[in-house]
Protein backbone atom coordinates (compact mmCIF):
# COMPACT_ATOMS: atom_id res chain seq x y z
CA MET A 1 12.08 26.20 -52.00
CA ILE A 2 11.25 22.78 -50.59
CA GLU A 3 11.99 19.78 -52.84
CA ARG A 4 8.50 18.27 -53.19
CA GLN A 5 7.93 14.54 -53.57
CA ASP A 6 4.25 14.43 -52.68
CA SER A 7 1.97 11.52 -53.51
CA ALA A 8 -1.64 10.81 -52.70
CA ASN A 9 -0.44 8.83 -49.69
CA THR A 10 1.55 11.76 -48.34
CA LEU A 11 0.90 13.59 -45.10
CA VAL A 12 2.54 16.99 -45.03
CA VAL A 13 3.07 18.19 -41.47
CA GLN A 14 3.82 21.87 -41.04
CA LYS A 15 4.63 23.62 -37.78
CA TYR A 16 4.41 27.38 -37.31
CA GLY A 17 6.06 28.99 -34.31
CA GLY A 18 4.77 31.83 -32.16
CA SER A 19 6.39 34.56 -34.25
CA SER A 20 4.69 33.15 -37.36
CA VAL A 21 1.19 33.52 -35.86
CA ALA A 22 1.80 36.55 -33.65
CA THR A 23 -0.80 38.84 -35.27
CA PRO A 24 -4.01 38.49 -37.32
CA GLU A 25 -2.09 39.60 -40.42
CA LYS A 26 0.54 36.91 -39.90
CA ILE A 27 -2.12 34.26 -39.35
CA LYS A 28 -3.71 35.25 -42.67
CA HIS A 29 -0.27 35.01 -44.29
CA VAL A 30 0.16 31.48 -42.92
CA ALA A 31 -3.26 30.53 -44.29
CA THR A 32 -2.15 31.72 -47.73
CA ARG A 33 1.07 29.68 -47.47
CA VAL A 34 -0.81 26.56 -46.40
CA ASN A 35 -3.25 26.94 -49.28
CA LYS A 36 -0.38 27.37 -51.75
CA ARG A 37 1.41 24.29 -50.38
CA LEU A 38 -1.80 22.29 -50.58
CA THR A 39 -2.64 23.24 -54.16
CA SER A 40 0.93 22.79 -55.45
CA GLY A 41 0.97 19.11 -54.48
CA LEU A 42 -0.85 16.15 -56.02
CA LEU A 43 -4.58 15.72 -55.61
CA GLY A 44 -5.40 13.98 -52.33
CA VAL A 45 -2.43 15.19 -50.30
CA LYS A 46 -3.44 16.00 -46.73
CA MET A 47 -1.89 18.50 -44.34
CA ALA A 48 -1.60 18.61 -40.56
CA VAL A 49 -0.65 22.11 -39.43
CA VAL A 50 0.70 22.39 -35.89
CA VAL A 51 0.70 25.82 -34.28
CA SER A 52 2.29 27.45 -31.26
CA ALA A 53 0.62 30.15 -29.14
CA MET A 54 0.56 33.64 -30.64
CA GLY A 55 3.78 35.61 -30.11
CA LYS A 56 4.56 35.88 -26.40
CA ALA A 57 1.17 34.52 -25.29
CA THR A 58 2.68 31.69 -23.24
CA ASP A 59 4.90 34.08 -21.29
CA GLU A 60 1.92 36.35 -20.73
CA LEU A 61 -0.18 33.47 -19.42
CA ILE A 62 2.59 32.47 -17.01
CA ALA A 63 2.79 36.06 -15.76
CA LEU A 64 -0.99 36.15 -15.39
CA ALA A 65 -0.95 32.97 -13.33
CA LYS A 66 1.70 34.42 -11.01
CA ASP A 67 -0.34 37.60 -10.63
CA VAL A 68 -3.19 35.46 -9.33
CA SER A 69 -1.16 32.99 -7.26
CA PRO A 70 2.51 32.78 -6.23
CA ASN A 71 2.18 28.99 -6.54
CA PRO A 72 -0.35 28.21 -9.29
CA GLY A 73 0.36 24.46 -9.27
CA ALA A 74 1.68 22.42 -12.19
CA ARG A 75 -1.65 20.88 -13.22
CA GLU A 76 -3.62 24.11 -13.33
CA LEU A 77 -0.76 25.95 -15.01
CA ASP A 78 -0.80 23.38 -17.82
CA VAL A 79 -4.57 23.80 -18.17
CA LEU A 80 -4.01 27.55 -18.54
CA LEU A 81 -1.04 27.36 -20.92
CA ALA A 82 -2.81 24.92 -23.22
CA THR A 83 -5.31 27.64 -24.11
CA GLY A 84 -2.65 29.64 -25.99
CA GLU A 85 -2.32 27.09 -28.80
CA GLN A 86 -6.08 26.61 -28.95
CA VAL A 87 -6.52 30.30 -29.78
CA SER A 88 -3.97 30.07 -32.61
CA ALA A 89 -5.51 26.89 -34.01
CA ALA A 90 -9.04 28.32 -34.08
CA LEU A 91 -7.95 31.60 -35.69
CA LEU A 92 -5.85 29.90 -38.36
CA THR A 93 -8.74 27.58 -39.21
CA MET A 94 -11.01 30.61 -39.68
CA ALA A 95 -8.41 32.17 -42.00
CA LEU A 96 -8.04 28.95 -44.00
CA ARG A 97 -11.78 28.69 -44.54
CA ASP A 98 -11.81 32.28 -45.77
CA VAL A 99 -9.36 31.33 -48.56
CA GLY A 100 -11.42 28.30 -49.53
CA VAL A 101 -9.61 25.52 -47.66
CA ALA A 102 -11.68 22.81 -45.96
CA ALA A 103 -10.13 22.84 -42.47
CA VAL A 104 -10.92 21.97 -38.87
CA SER A 105 -9.04 22.71 -35.63
CA ARG A 106 -8.32 20.06 -33.01
CA ASN A 107 -6.69 20.07 -29.60
CA ALA A 108 -4.68 17.29 -28.00
CA PHE A 109 -7.70 15.82 -26.22
CA GLN A 110 -9.71 15.60 -29.43
CA LEU A 111 -6.85 13.87 -31.27
CA GLY A 112 -5.90 11.46 -28.52
CA ILE A 113 -2.30 12.70 -28.10
CA LYS A 114 -1.37 10.64 -25.04
CA THR A 115 1.50 11.73 -22.81
CA SER A 116 3.23 10.84 -19.59
CA ARG A 117 2.05 12.48 -16.38
CA GLU A 118 4.91 15.00 -15.89
CA HIS A 119 3.25 18.39 -15.98
CA SER A 120 5.20 21.09 -17.89
CA ASN A 121 7.59 18.49 -19.32
CA ALA A 122 5.47 15.55 -20.48
CA ARG A 123 6.55 13.11 -23.18
CA ILE A 124 4.31 11.91 -26.00
CA GLN A 125 3.53 8.20 -25.71
CA ASP A 126 1.02 7.63 -28.51
CA ILE A 127 -1.31 9.31 -31.00
CA ASP A 128 -4.65 7.86 -32.11
CA PHE A 129 -4.19 8.34 -35.84
CA SER A 130 -7.68 7.04 -36.58
CA LEU A 131 -9.03 10.35 -35.29
CA LEU A 132 -6.92 12.28 -37.80
CA ARG A 133 -8.09 9.95 -40.59
CA ARG A 134 -11.67 10.72 -39.60
CA ASP A 135 -11.07 14.45 -39.95
CA PHE A 136 -9.37 14.04 -43.32
CA ARG A 137 -12.51 12.50 -44.81
CA ASP A 138 -14.08 15.94 -44.96
CA ASN A 139 -11.07 18.27 -44.65
CA SER A 140 -7.84 18.87 -46.50
CA VAL A 141 -6.19 20.46 -43.47
CA VAL A 142 -6.37 19.70 -39.75
CA VAL A 143 -4.97 22.50 -37.61
CA ILE A 144 -3.54 21.04 -34.40
CA THR A 145 -2.54 22.60 -31.11
CA GLY A 146 1.16 22.00 -30.47
CA PHE A 147 2.94 21.86 -27.11
CA GLN A 148 0.23 19.83 -25.37
CA GLY A 149 -1.11 16.36 -24.67
CA VAL A 150 -3.40 14.41 -22.37
CA THR A 151 -2.53 11.86 -19.70
CA PRO A 152 -4.28 8.47 -19.49
CA ASP A 153 -6.31 10.05 -16.66
CA GLY A 154 -7.52 12.87 -18.93
CA ASP A 155 -5.37 15.68 -17.50
CA LEU A 156 -3.91 18.24 -19.88
CA THR A 157 -0.12 18.42 -20.01
CA THR A 158 2.44 20.59 -21.76
CA LEU A 159 5.63 19.31 -23.37
CA GLY A 160 8.20 21.89 -22.27
CA ARG A 161 10.56 23.97 -24.38
CA GLY A 162 10.31 23.18 -28.09
CA GLY A 163 7.08 21.30 -27.45
CA SER A 164 5.35 22.34 -30.68
CA ASP A 165 8.29 21.03 -32.72
CA THR A 166 7.97 17.74 -30.84
CA SER A 167 4.20 17.63 -31.50
CA ALA A 168 4.75 18.08 -35.24
CA VAL A 169 7.47 15.45 -35.48
CA ALA A 170 5.42 12.98 -33.42
CA ILE A 171 2.46 13.31 -35.80
CA ALA A 172 4.76 12.77 -38.81
CA ALA A 173 6.40 9.81 -37.09
CA LYS A 174 3.03 8.21 -36.33
CA ALA A 175 1.99 8.60 -39.97
CA ALA A 176 5.28 7.03 -41.10
CA SER A 177 4.75 4.09 -38.72
CA ILE A 178 1.51 3.17 -40.50
CA GLY A 179 3.03 3.36 -43.97
CA MET A 180 2.33 6.93 -45.06
CA GLU A 181 4.94 9.06 -46.79
CA THR A 182 5.63 12.03 -44.54
CA VAL A 183 7.52 15.28 -44.56
CA CYS A 184 7.77 17.58 -41.55
CA GLU A 185 8.31 21.26 -42.26
CA ILE A 186 9.24 23.57 -39.38
CA TYR A 187 8.59 27.27 -40.07
CA SER A 188 9.74 30.20 -37.95
CA ASP A 189 11.27 33.65 -38.43
CA VAL A 190 14.65 32.04 -39.25
CA PRO A 191 15.30 30.97 -42.88
CA GLY A 192 17.09 27.74 -41.97
CA ILE A 193 19.95 26.33 -39.92
CA PHE A 194 23.19 28.29 -39.98
CA THR A 195 26.79 27.39 -39.29
CA CYS A 196 26.61 29.85 -36.34
CA ASP A 197 24.10 32.30 -34.98
CA PRO A 198 23.81 34.90 -37.79
CA ASN A 199 22.69 37.52 -35.28
CA LYS A 200 26.02 37.22 -33.47
CA THR A 201 28.35 36.16 -36.28
CA PRO A 202 27.98 38.26 -39.46
CA GLY A 203 28.48 36.18 -42.57
CA ALA A 204 27.39 32.88 -41.01
CA ARG A 205 26.46 30.52 -43.83
CA LYS A 206 23.10 28.82 -44.12
CA LEU A 207 23.30 25.05 -44.52
CA ASP A 208 21.44 23.17 -47.25
CA TYR A 209 21.72 19.90 -45.30
CA ILE A 210 22.73 18.78 -41.83
CA THR A 211 22.65 15.28 -40.33
CA PHE A 212 20.54 14.27 -37.35
CA GLU A 213 23.68 13.58 -35.33
CA GLU A 214 25.12 17.03 -36.00
CA MET A 215 21.80 18.75 -35.29
CA LEU A 216 21.39 16.85 -32.02
CA GLU A 217 24.87 17.82 -30.93
CA LEU A 218 24.39 21.49 -31.83
CA ALA A 219 20.95 21.63 -30.18
CA SER A 220 22.26 20.08 -26.96
CA LEU A 221 25.16 22.54 -26.93
CA GLY A 222 23.15 25.74 -27.26
CA ALA A 223 21.76 26.09 -30.79
CA LYS A 224 18.07 27.06 -30.58
CA VAL A 225 16.60 26.38 -34.02
CA LEU A 226 15.31 22.90 -33.10
CA HIS A 227 14.81 21.18 -29.77
CA THR A 228 16.71 17.96 -29.08
CA ARG A 229 13.56 15.94 -28.35
CA ALA A 230 12.11 16.75 -31.77
CA VAL A 231 15.36 15.82 -33.53
CA GLU A 232 15.67 12.58 -31.54
CA LEU A 233 12.15 11.58 -32.52
CA ALA A 234 12.75 12.40 -36.18
CA ARG A 235 15.96 10.36 -36.20
CA LYS A 236 14.30 7.38 -34.52
CA TYR A 237 11.44 7.19 -37.04
CA GLY A 238 13.31 8.41 -40.11
CA VAL A 239 11.32 11.63 -40.54
CA THR A 240 13.16 14.15 -42.70
CA LEU A 241 12.88 17.68 -41.28
CA TYR A 242 12.83 20.87 -43.31
CA CYS A 243 13.45 24.19 -41.53
CA ALA A 244 12.64 27.46 -43.28
CA SER A 245 11.17 30.92 -42.85
CA THR A 246 7.46 31.65 -42.77
CA PHE A 247 8.11 35.04 -44.33
CA SER A 248 10.09 34.21 -47.47
CA GLU A 249 10.39 31.61 -50.24
CA GLU A 250 14.12 31.24 -49.61
CA ARG A 251 15.28 27.62 -49.57
CA GLY A 252 15.67 26.26 -46.04
CA THR A 253 17.68 23.43 -44.48
CA TYR A 254 17.03 19.69 -44.53
CA VAL A 255 17.87 17.60 -41.46
CA VAL A 256 18.60 14.10 -42.76
CA LYS A 257 20.03 10.73 -41.76
CA GLU A 258 22.87 11.00 -44.27
CA LEU A 259 24.13 13.80 -46.49
CA PRO A 260 23.44 13.41 -50.22
CA LYS A 261 26.19 11.39 -51.89
CA TRP A 262 27.10 14.29 -54.18
CA LEU A 263 27.70 16.61 -51.24
CA GLU A 264 31.17 16.65 -49.72
CA GLY A 265 30.79 17.10 -45.98
CA SER A 266 32.82 19.61 -44.01
CA ILE A 267 35.11 18.75 -41.13
CA VAL A 268 33.18 21.21 -38.95
CA THR A 269 29.53 21.88 -39.78
CA GLY A 270 28.71 24.45 -37.13
CA VAL A 271 29.87 26.35 -34.07
CA THR A 272 27.56 27.20 -31.19
CA VAL A 273 27.80 28.67 -27.70
CA ALA A 274 26.12 27.96 -24.37
CA ARG A 275 26.24 31.03 -22.16
CA ASP A 276 25.43 31.72 -18.49
CA GLN A 277 27.61 28.92 -17.13
CA MET A 278 29.73 28.87 -13.99
CA LYS A 279 32.93 26.92 -13.52
CA PHE A 280 33.73 25.41 -10.10
CA VAL A 281 36.89 23.76 -8.82
CA VAL A 282 37.03 21.48 -5.79
CA LYS A 283 40.64 20.93 -4.69
CA ARG A 284 42.36 18.31 -2.56
CA ILE A 285 39.55 15.77 -2.32
CA PRO A 286 40.76 12.80 -0.22
CA GLY A 287 40.03 9.11 -0.77
CA GLU A 288 39.63 6.82 -3.76
CA GLY A 289 36.40 8.20 -5.13
CA ASP A 290 33.84 7.89 -2.34
CA VAL A 291 33.89 11.64 -1.66
CA LEU A 292 33.64 12.46 -5.37
CA THR A 293 30.64 10.15 -5.66
CA GLY A 294 29.08 11.70 -2.59
CA VAL A 295 29.53 15.24 -3.96
CA PHE A 296 27.82 14.35 -7.24
CA GLN A 297 24.95 12.61 -5.43
CA ALA A 298 24.45 15.61 -3.15
CA LEU A 299 24.41 18.00 -6.12
CA ALA A 300 21.92 15.76 -7.94
CA LEU A 301 19.59 15.72 -4.92
CA ALA A 302 19.82 19.52 -4.84
CA GLY A 303 18.63 19.63 -8.46
CA VAL A 304 21.90 20.94 -9.88
CA ASN A 305 22.40 20.18 -13.56
CA ILE A 306 26.11 19.53 -14.11
CA ASP A 307 27.57 19.93 -17.58
CA MET A 308 31.30 19.56 -18.27
CA ILE A 309 33.30 17.47 -15.79
CA ALA A 310 37.05 16.96 -15.47
CA THR A 311 39.06 15.23 -12.73
CA ALA A 312 42.76 14.89 -11.98
CA SER A 313 44.70 13.03 -9.30
CA ASP A 314 47.87 13.82 -7.39
CA GLU A 315 48.97 11.02 -5.06
CA ASP A 316 45.95 10.35 -2.81
CA LEU A 317 44.11 13.58 -3.63
CA SER A 318 41.67 14.39 -6.44
CA PHE A 319 40.85 17.69 -8.10
CA LEU A 320 37.40 18.21 -9.62
CA THR A 321 36.34 20.80 -12.19
CA PHE A 322 32.77 21.12 -13.45
CA THR A 323 30.33 23.64 -14.89
CA VAL A 324 26.69 24.39 -14.10
CA LEU A 325 24.13 26.93 -15.21
CA ASP A 326 24.68 30.34 -13.64
CA GLY A 327 21.47 30.19 -11.62
CA ASP A 328 22.75 27.20 -9.64
CA ALA A 329 25.93 28.89 -8.35
CA GLU A 330 24.74 29.61 -4.80
CA THR A 331 23.15 26.17 -4.47
CA VAL A 332 26.38 24.50 -5.60
CA MET A 333 28.55 26.21 -3.00
CA LYS A 334 26.13 25.54 -0.17
CA THR A 335 25.55 21.90 -1.16
CA ILE A 336 29.25 21.03 -1.33
CA ARG A 337 30.05 22.73 1.98
CA VAL A 338 27.16 21.04 3.78
CA TYR A 339 28.21 17.65 2.38
CA MET A 340 31.80 18.14 3.51
CA GLU A 341 30.72 19.20 7.03
CA GLU A 342 28.19 16.40 7.47
CA ASN A 343 30.68 13.75 6.35
CA GLY A 344 33.71 15.11 8.19
CA VAL A 345 35.72 15.73 5.01
CA GLU A 346 38.62 18.06 5.78
CA GLY A 347 41.28 19.80 3.71
CA CYS A 348 39.11 20.47 0.64
CA ALA A 349 38.90 23.90 -0.93
CA VAL A 350 36.05 25.04 -3.15
CA GLU A 351 36.66 27.87 -5.59
CA SER A 352 33.55 29.96 -6.13
CA GLY A 353 32.03 29.95 -9.59
CA VAL A 354 33.72 31.81 -12.44
CA PRO A 355 31.45 32.98 -15.32
CA VAL A 356 32.29 31.10 -18.52
CA ALA A 357 30.77 30.19 -21.87
CA LYS A 358 31.05 26.86 -23.64
CA VAL A 359 31.97 27.21 -27.31
CA SER A 360 31.56 24.04 -29.37
CA ALA A 361 32.64 23.02 -32.85
CA VAL A 362 30.53 20.19 -34.29
CA GLY A 363 30.87 18.08 -37.41
CA ASP A 364 30.57 14.47 -38.60
CA GLY A 365 33.80 15.08 -40.51
CA MET A 366 35.78 15.06 -37.27
CA ASN A 367 35.54 11.25 -37.29
CA ALA A 368 37.86 11.01 -40.27
CA ALA A 369 40.00 14.12 -39.77
CA THR A 370 43.14 14.68 -37.73
CA GLY A 371 44.42 17.83 -36.09
CA VAL A 372 41.00 19.39 -35.51
CA ALA A 373 41.61 20.01 -31.81
CA GLY A 374 44.95 21.61 -32.60
CA ARG A 375 43.31 23.99 -35.06
CA VAL A 376 40.66 24.94 -32.47
CA PHE A 377 43.26 25.68 -29.79
CA SER A 378 45.60 27.53 -32.14
CA ALA A 379 42.84 29.76 -33.52
CA LEU A 380 41.83 30.86 -30.03
CA ARG A 381 45.34 31.33 -28.70
CA ARG A 382 46.30 33.52 -31.65
CA ARG A 383 43.87 36.06 -30.18
CA SER A 384 44.92 35.33 -26.59
CA ILE A 385 41.59 33.72 -25.67
CA GLU A 386 42.28 31.57 -22.63
CA ILE A 387 40.89 28.03 -22.68
CA ARG A 388 39.54 27.19 -19.22
CA GLY A 389 38.33 23.65 -19.91
CA ILE A 390 37.97 21.10 -22.70
CA SER A 391 35.61 18.24 -23.51
CA THR A 392 35.29 16.16 -26.68
CA SER A 393 33.16 13.54 -28.37
CA ASP A 394 33.44 11.82 -31.76
CA ILE A 395 31.88 14.83 -33.51
CA ASN A 396 32.37 17.67 -31.05
CA ILE A 397 35.11 19.72 -29.43
CA SER A 398 33.97 22.09 -26.65
CA VAL A 399 36.09 24.66 -24.86
CA LEU A 400 35.32 26.92 -21.91
CA VAL A 401 36.22 30.56 -22.42
CA ASP A 402 35.58 33.81 -20.59
CA GLY A 403 31.93 34.77 -21.10
CA ALA A 404 32.86 38.15 -22.58
CA LYS A 405 35.02 36.42 -25.23
CA ALA A 406 32.38 33.93 -26.40
CA ASP A 407 31.24 35.73 -29.57
CA GLU A 408 34.81 36.44 -30.62
CA ALA A 409 35.70 32.78 -30.09
CA VAL A 410 32.78 31.63 -32.26
CA SER A 411 33.78 34.05 -35.02
CA LEU A 412 37.41 32.88 -34.95
CA LEU A 413 36.41 29.22 -35.26
CA ALA A 414 33.97 30.07 -38.05
CA GLU A 415 36.85 31.68 -39.93
CA GLU A 416 39.23 28.82 -39.16
CA PHE A 417 36.86 26.20 -40.59
CA GLU A 418 35.45 28.36 -43.42
CA LEU A 419 31.91 28.52 -42.08
CA LYS A 420 31.22 32.07 -43.28
CA ASN A 421 30.06 33.27 -46.67
CA PRO A 422 32.95 34.41 -48.89
């Protein structure tokens, strides 16, 4: 159960994902939950409820657009996709009224949620909170379309993956910036944040608390409970996040600036995996760095998103190792070869991509602990899991392993750092 600290100056922001509003029955269930949350707080507490599109509605709308046009265009696609959340918002508002809650639905245009102009990946720039205040004069709940905004020119935009989470956190952050007490609750079909993916690692333990820094690191490395943009926004404006299940009263997980003083933090908080990566090696690169720079610039122009990078030198030659998403493999090979030919670079050899997975152990406790890397390497080598690459930060150790060994590697590290239930 959530630890409530509501006051009359509190805005409770709740976000419900697509699985939570996938059917009429589930929408009615959400309405019941919202009503219970509203009536269990102090008199005068207001709620902003942010919703995603129903179930797989966004995917279905994308497929529909492609059935009509092979190139629907970014602007019109955003106009289409924005309708998914509007359906959810209207239906939930109907259900709330049926259980006696004064509620109204609003879309991004009606609430003045201003964004940048990048269609399909816009960023929220401001929210006109006076419009929300207006709605709260006559309503206890405002149901808001997530995932969308409006440019200064009046064009609809969408926020990209995790956009509804970002919408919810942005509303809470705006409320906090004008002096309101806020809490942002993120509800889905997952009962909280786990030390590893419980669907892949039996016994993974649910966390009561996790810091913003740890959550950001895990999200950027493959964990899918929260999107990095939402966590970044919450950290910047000091908005505590609470992640729990729509379908149970089981206590969820708080994402906080600092762990409670009574709680002794672990060395490693969680282990995650990023799959579908390819490892490339470019051998015998001549020069003092100009060719390396040129290779990276060429890959960037080709739209290749590079992840882990390692270089080594032997006399006047350099050796480059890097990883990219699997889908970029053909583009990578072609781009490097064209660059070498156009610039007269001879003697290099490019090894075609090898499928790998990046397994990462994350924890604030690494800052004060020694021997963590050694424990990671030893745990994997005891089971003969080859380490194909390594990268580290203050709170993260990542290793590349064979894709087929990824789940076993996660399980081994979970056992090594006691991240499973007894």
